[in-house]
Amino acid sequence: MSIYFVHKIAQQVAKDPEFRERMKRDPEAAIAGYRLTDDERRALLAGDVGRLAQLGAHGYLLGHFARKEVLGLNMRNYPQRIHDPGSTA
């Protein structure tokens, strides 16, 4: 399982302003070099943190996406999405 790379992407979003901007502009290109499963890649690009959590990603690290407002996530919709895989609310 490559959930390690989901964690690395989340940490990079938190710490690297240039990467964060690439994630906002073109997330597919920004994560192209990471070895993710198709399921992980789909969930990540959809901002489906609930599915990523099901796959083993840590909720705290996934929260970086919401705190930095990438992938359609923010602190208002993160709680629902983390608890409801597939949700786009």
Protein backbone atom coordinates (compact mmCIF):
# COMPACT_ATOMS: atom_id res chain seq x y z
CA MET A 1 0.00 0.00 0.00
CA SER A 2 1.30 3.45 -0.88
CA ILE A 3 -0.62 5.45 1.74
CA TYR A 4 2.84 6.67 2.77
CA PHE A 5 2.79 8.89 -0.32
CA VAL A 6 -0.60 10.34 0.61
CA HIS A 7 0.98 11.32 3.92
CA LYS A 8 3.99 12.83 2.12
CA ILE A 9 1.70 14.89 -0.14
CA ALA A 10 -0.25 16.14 2.89
CA GLN A 11 2.96 17.15 4.66
CA GLN A 12 4.24 18.88 1.56
CA VAL A 13 0.96 20.81 1.26
CA ALA A 14 1.43 21.96 4.86
CA LYS A 15 5.08 22.98 4.54
CA ASP A 16 5.76 23.98 0.93
CA PRO A 17 3.91 27.06 -0.39
CA GLU A 18 4.98 26.41 -4.01
CA PHE A 19 3.69 22.83 -3.93
CA ARG A 20 0.50 24.02 -2.22
CA GLU A 21 -0.11 26.49 -5.08
CA ARG A 22 0.47 23.74 -7.65
CA MET A 23 -2.06 21.61 -5.78
CA LYS A 24 -4.57 24.45 -6.04
CA ARG A 25 -3.89 25.12 -9.74
CA ASP A 26 -3.39 21.61 -11.11
CA PRO A 27 -3.50 18.86 -8.48
CA GLU A 28 -3.26 16.07 -11.03
CA ALA A 29 0.05 17.41 -12.34
CA ALA A 30 1.29 18.17 -8.81
CA ILE A 31 0.90 14.55 -7.68
CA ALA A 32 1.92 12.92 -10.98
CA GLY A 33 5.31 11.80 -9.66
CA TYR A 34 3.96 10.04 -6.58
CA ARG A 35 3.42 6.27 -6.54
CA LEU A 36 -0.24 6.05 -5.60
CA THR A 37 -2.74 3.33 -6.29
CA ASP A 38 -5.54 4.23 -8.69
CA ASP A 39 -7.95 4.28 -5.73
CA GLU A 40 -5.73 6.61 -3.72
CA ARG A 41 -5.20 8.93 -6.68
CA ARG A 42 -8.95 9.09 -7.42
CA ALA A 43 -9.83 9.74 -3.78
CA LEU A 44 -7.11 12.35 -3.36
CA LEU A 45 -8.09 14.29 -6.47
CA ALA A 46 -11.75 14.17 -5.42
CA GLY A 47 -10.90 15.43 -1.93
CA ASP A 48 -12.43 12.21 -0.58
CA VAL A 49 -10.61 12.17 2.75
CA GLY A 50 -13.12 9.65 4.08
CA ARG A 51 -11.99 7.09 1.52
CA LEU A 52 -8.34 7.92 2.18
CA ALA A 53 -8.95 7.35 5.89
CA GLN A 54 -10.54 3.99 5.07
CA LEU A 55 -7.38 3.14 3.14
CA GLY A 56 -5.28 3.91 6.21
CA ALA A 57 -4.38 7.58 5.93
CA HIS A 58 -4.13 9.44 9.22
CA GLY A 59 -6.89 12.00 9.88
CA TYR A 60 -4.51 14.59 11.28
CA LEU A 61 -2.38 14.55 8.13
CA LEU A 62 -5.46 14.60 5.90
CA GLY A 63 -6.52 17.70 7.81
CA HIS A 64 -3.65 19.61 6.20
CA PHE A 65 -5.64 19.58 2.96
CA ALA A 66 -8.56 21.30 4.70
CA ARG A 67 -6.41 23.72 6.70
CA LYS A 68 -4.66 24.85 3.51
CA GLU A 69 -7.86 24.69 1.44
CA VAL A 70 -6.76 22.41 -1.36
CA LEU A 71 -8.67 19.70 -3.24
CA GLY A 72 -11.99 21.41 -2.52
CA LEU A 73 -11.55 20.92 1.21
CA ASN A 74 -11.86 23.44 4.00
CA MET A 75 -12.49 23.34 7.73
CA ARG A 76 -16.26 23.55 7.18
CA ASN A 77 -16.63 20.50 4.91
CA TYR A 78 -13.78 18.37 6.27
CA PRO A 79 -15.72 16.84 9.22
CA GLN A 80 -18.48 15.52 6.99
CA ARG A 81 -16.09 14.28 4.32
CA ILE A 82 -13.85 12.45 6.79
CA HIS A 83 -16.85 10.62 8.26
CA ASP A 84 -18.76 10.04 4.99
CA PRO A 85 -16.56 8.50 2.26
CA GLY A 86 -17.69 9.57 -1.18
CA SER A 87 -19.23 12.77 0.14
CA THR A 88 -18.64 15.94 -1.83
CA ALA A 89 -20.51 18.16 0.63
